[in-house]
Amino acid sequence: MTHKPPPKSAFSGMKTHPSAATAHSWVDPAPFRAHVRHLTEATGLSWRAVPAAARLSPALVEHLLFGRAGRPLRRLSHSAAKALFELTPQKLAAGHRRRQPASA
């Protein structure tokens, strides 16, 4: 299976949230949600392997995939989107192998 990251157009709809103390870029989370699902399907790993490999909060990836309080995540920070965008199945699998404890 070939790696198909979210389209670069996923970054084009960036918005600045008016209530943020400083300007913060947001993107539509849907392409990145699909990307995380693709990563887990391509590698056979749990979604829990993704945050460690992308250096993101496990709660963020959980909310991206499953929503929060029954509601889907409406926006994703540009930095989190970029971290997910740069993660390939090969990088995820390689990172997972490096973190495995040695067998006794």
C-alpha atoms as a PDB file:
ATOM      1  CA  MET A   1       0.000   0.000   0.000  1.00  0.00           C
ATOM      2  CA  THR A   2       1.421   3.367  -0.948  1.00  0.00           C
ATOM      3  CA  HIS A   3       1.495   6.261   1.463  1.00  0.00           C
ATOM      4  CA  LYS A   4      -0.962   9.002   0.578  1.00  0.00           C
ATOM      5  CA  PRO A   5      -0.659  12.001   2.901  1.00  0.00           C
ATOM      6  CA  PRO A   6      -3.382  14.624   3.192  1.00  0.00           C
ATOM      7  CA  PRO A   7      -3.420  16.958   0.192  1.00  0.00           C
ATOM      8  CA  LYS A   8      -1.514  20.208   0.547  1.00  0.00           C
ATOM      9  CA  SER A   9      -4.864  21.918   0.060  1.00  0.00           C
ATOM     10  CA  ALA A  10      -5.717  20.713   3.577  1.00  0.00           C
ATOM     11  CA  PHE A  11      -3.442  23.504   4.793  1.00  0.00           C
ATOM     12  CA  SER A  12      -5.041  26.152   2.564  1.00  0.00           C
ATOM     13  CA  GLY A  13      -8.103  26.709   4.747  1.00  0.00           C
ATOM     14  CA  MET A  14      -6.120  27.929   7.734  1.00  0.00           C
ATOM     15  CA  LYS A  15      -8.045  30.302   9.940  1.00  0.00           C
ATOM     16  CA  THR A  16      -7.095  32.466  12.847  1.00  0.00           C
ATOM     17  CA  HIS A  17      -9.234  31.881  15.901  1.00  0.00           C
ATOM     18  CA  PRO A  18     -10.440  35.277  17.170  1.00  0.00           C
ATOM     19  CA  SER A  19     -10.337  34.360  20.863  1.00  0.00           C
ATOM     20  CA  ALA A  20      -6.696  33.291  20.800  1.00  0.00           C
ATOM     21  CA  ALA A  21      -4.365  35.618  22.677  1.00  0.00           C
ATOM     22  CA  THR A  22      -1.917  35.291  19.806  1.00  0.00           C
ATOM     23  CA  ALA A  23      -2.689  34.422  16.211  1.00  0.00           C
ATOM     24  CA  HIS A  24      -2.920  30.645  15.886  1.00  0.00           C
ATOM     25  CA  SER A  25      -3.422  28.806  12.609  1.00  0.00           C
ATOM     26  CA  TRP A  26      -6.127  26.170  12.362  1.00  0.00           C
ATOM     27  CA  VAL A  27      -6.903  23.608   9.674  1.00  0.00           C
ATOM     28  CA  ASP A  28      -9.780  21.255   8.916  1.00  0.00           C
ATOM     29  CA  PRO A  29      -9.081  18.024  10.843  1.00  0.00           C
ATOM     30  CA  ALA A  30     -10.859  15.643   8.429  1.00  0.00           C
ATOM     31  CA  PRO A  31      -7.894  14.917   6.097  1.00  0.00           C
ATOM     32  CA  PHE A  32      -5.614  14.342   9.082  1.00  0.00           C
ATOM     33  CA  ARG A  33      -8.143  12.055  10.764  1.00  0.00           C
ATOM     34  CA  ALA A  34      -8.165   9.998   7.560  1.00  0.00           C
ATOM     35  CA  HIS A  35      -4.363  10.077   7.475  1.00  0.00           C
ATOM     36  CA  VAL A  36      -4.094   8.676  11.021  1.00  0.00           C
ATOM     37  CA  ARG A  37      -6.534   5.909  10.102  1.00  0.00           C
ATOM     38  CA  HIS A  38      -4.460   5.174   6.993  1.00  0.00           C
ATOM     39  CA  LEU A  39      -1.281   5.000   9.105  1.00  0.00           C
ATOM     40  CA  THR A  40      -2.817   2.512  11.520  1.00  0.00           C
ATOM     41  CA  GLU A  41      -4.258   0.364   8.721  1.00  0.00           C
ATOM     42  CA  ALA A  42      -0.998   0.368   6.746  1.00  0.00           C
ATOM     43  CA  THR A  43       1.141  -0.590   9.747  1.00  0.00           C
ATOM     44  CA  GLY A  44      -1.268  -2.686  11.796  1.00  0.00           C
ATOM     45  CA  LEU A  45      -0.397  -0.558  14.826  1.00  0.00           C
ATOM     46  CA  SER A  46      -2.822   0.983  17.286  1.00  0.00           C
ATOM     47  CA  TRP A  47      -3.630   4.675  17.030  1.00  0.00           C
ATOM     48  CA  ARG A  48      -1.722   4.991  20.311  1.00  0.00           C
ATOM     49  CA  ALA A  49       1.569   4.592  18.405  1.00  0.00           C
ATOM     50  CA  VAL A  50       0.870   7.757  16.385  1.00  0.00           C
ATOM     51  CA  PRO A  51       1.221  10.457  19.069  1.00  0.00           C
ATOM     52  CA  ALA A  52       4.627   9.174  20.205  1.00  0.00           C
ATOM     53  CA  ALA A  53       5.939   9.029  16.636  1.00  0.00           C
ATOM     54  CA  ALA A  54       4.550  12.471  15.762  1.00  0.00           C
ATOM     55  CA  ARG A  55       5.501  13.954  19.169  1.00  0.00           C
ATOM     56  CA  LEU A  56       1.922  14.918  19.903  1.00  0.00           C
ATOM     57  CA  SER A  57      -0.306  14.531  22.916  1.00  0.00           C
ATOM     58  CA  PRO A  58      -2.145  11.186  23.041  1.00  0.00           C
ATOM     59  CA  ALA A  59      -5.293  13.133  24.035  1.00  0.00           C
ATOM     60  CA  LEU A  60      -5.065  15.235  20.870  1.00  0.00           C
ATOM     61  CA  VAL A  61      -4.919  12.181  18.607  1.00  0.00           C
ATOM     62  CA  GLU A  62      -7.697  10.496  20.590  1.00  0.00           C
ATOM     63  CA  HIS A  63      -9.919  13.584  20.199  1.00  0.00           C
ATOM     64  CA  LEU A  64      -9.035  13.777  16.507  1.00  0.00           C
ATOM     65  CA  LEU A  65     -10.152  10.200  15.919  1.00  0.00           C
ATOM     66  CA  PHE A  66     -13.045   9.796  18.333  1.00  0.00           C
ATOM     67  CA  GLY A  67     -14.180  13.302  19.190  1.00  0.00           C
ATOM     68  CA  ARG A  68     -14.664  14.820  22.585  1.00  0.00           C
ATOM     69  CA  ALA A  69     -17.854  14.520  24.622  1.00  0.00           C
ATOM     70  CA  GLY A  70     -19.577  12.980  21.603  1.00  0.00           C
ATOM     71  CA  ARG A  71     -18.590  15.794  19.248  1.00  0.00           C
ATOM     72  CA  PRO A  72     -15.949  15.591  16.517  1.00  0.00           C
ATOM     73  CA  LEU A  73     -12.902  17.817  16.667  1.00  0.00           C
ATOM     74  CA  ARG A  74     -13.684  20.924  14.587  1.00  0.00           C
ATOM     75  CA  ARG A  75     -10.179  22.250  14.087  1.00  0.00           C
ATOM     76  CA  LEU A  76      -6.575  21.158  14.315  1.00  0.00           C
ATOM     77  CA  SER A  77      -3.579  23.370  14.921  1.00  0.00           C
ATOM     78  CA  HIS A  78      -1.265  23.904  11.992  1.00  0.00           C
ATOM     79  CA  SER A  79       1.672  22.524  13.993  1.00  0.00           C
ATOM     80  CA  ALA A  80      -0.186  19.292  14.865  1.00  0.00           C
ATOM     81  CA  ALA A  81      -1.335  18.948  11.250  1.00  0.00           C
ATOM     82  CA  LYS A  82       2.237  19.391  10.038  1.00  0.00           C
ATOM     83  CA  ALA A  83       3.524  16.753  12.479  1.00  0.00           C
ATOM     84  CA  LEU A  84       0.906  14.283  11.257  1.00  0.00           C
ATOM     85  CA  PHE A  85       1.488  15.203   7.609  1.00  0.00           C
ATOM     86  CA  GLU A  86       5.191  14.361   7.941  1.00  0.00           C
ATOM     87  CA  LEU A  87       4.498  10.941   9.480  1.00  0.00           C
ATOM     88  CA  THR A  88       4.590   8.063   6.989  1.00  0.00           C
ATOM     89  CA  PRO A  89       3.767   4.391   7.599  1.00  0.00           C
ATOM     90  CA  GLN A  90       7.490   3.647   7.296  1.00  0.00           C
ATOM     91  CA  LYS A  91       8.413   6.250   9.929  1.00  0.00           C
ATOM     92  CA  LEU A  92       5.641   5.037  12.230  1.00  0.00           C
ATOM     93  CA  ALA A  93       6.706   1.400  11.940  1.00  0.00           C
ATOM     94  CA  ALA A  94      10.404   2.257  12.361  1.00  0.00           C
ATOM     95  CA  GLY A  95       9.708   4.389  15.428  1.00  0.00           C
ATOM     96  CA  HIS A  96       7.577   1.647  16.940  1.00  0.00           C
ATOM     97  CA  ARG A  97      10.358  -0.937  16.493  1.00  0.00           C
ATOM     98  CA  ARG A  98      12.883   1.382  18.205  1.00  0.00           C
ATOM     99  CA  ARG A  99      10.607   1.813  21.246  1.00  0.00           C
ATOM    100  CA  GLN A 100       9.985  -1.918  21.772  1.00  0.00           C
ATOM    101  CA  PRO A 101      11.665  -3.348  24.893  1.00  0.00           C
ATOM    102  CA  ALA A 102      14.183  -6.121  24.307  1.00  0.00           C
ATOM    103  CA  SER A 103      12.923  -9.633  24.966  1.00  0.00           C
ATOM    104  CA  ALA A 104      14.483 -11.467  27.896  1.00  0.00           C
END
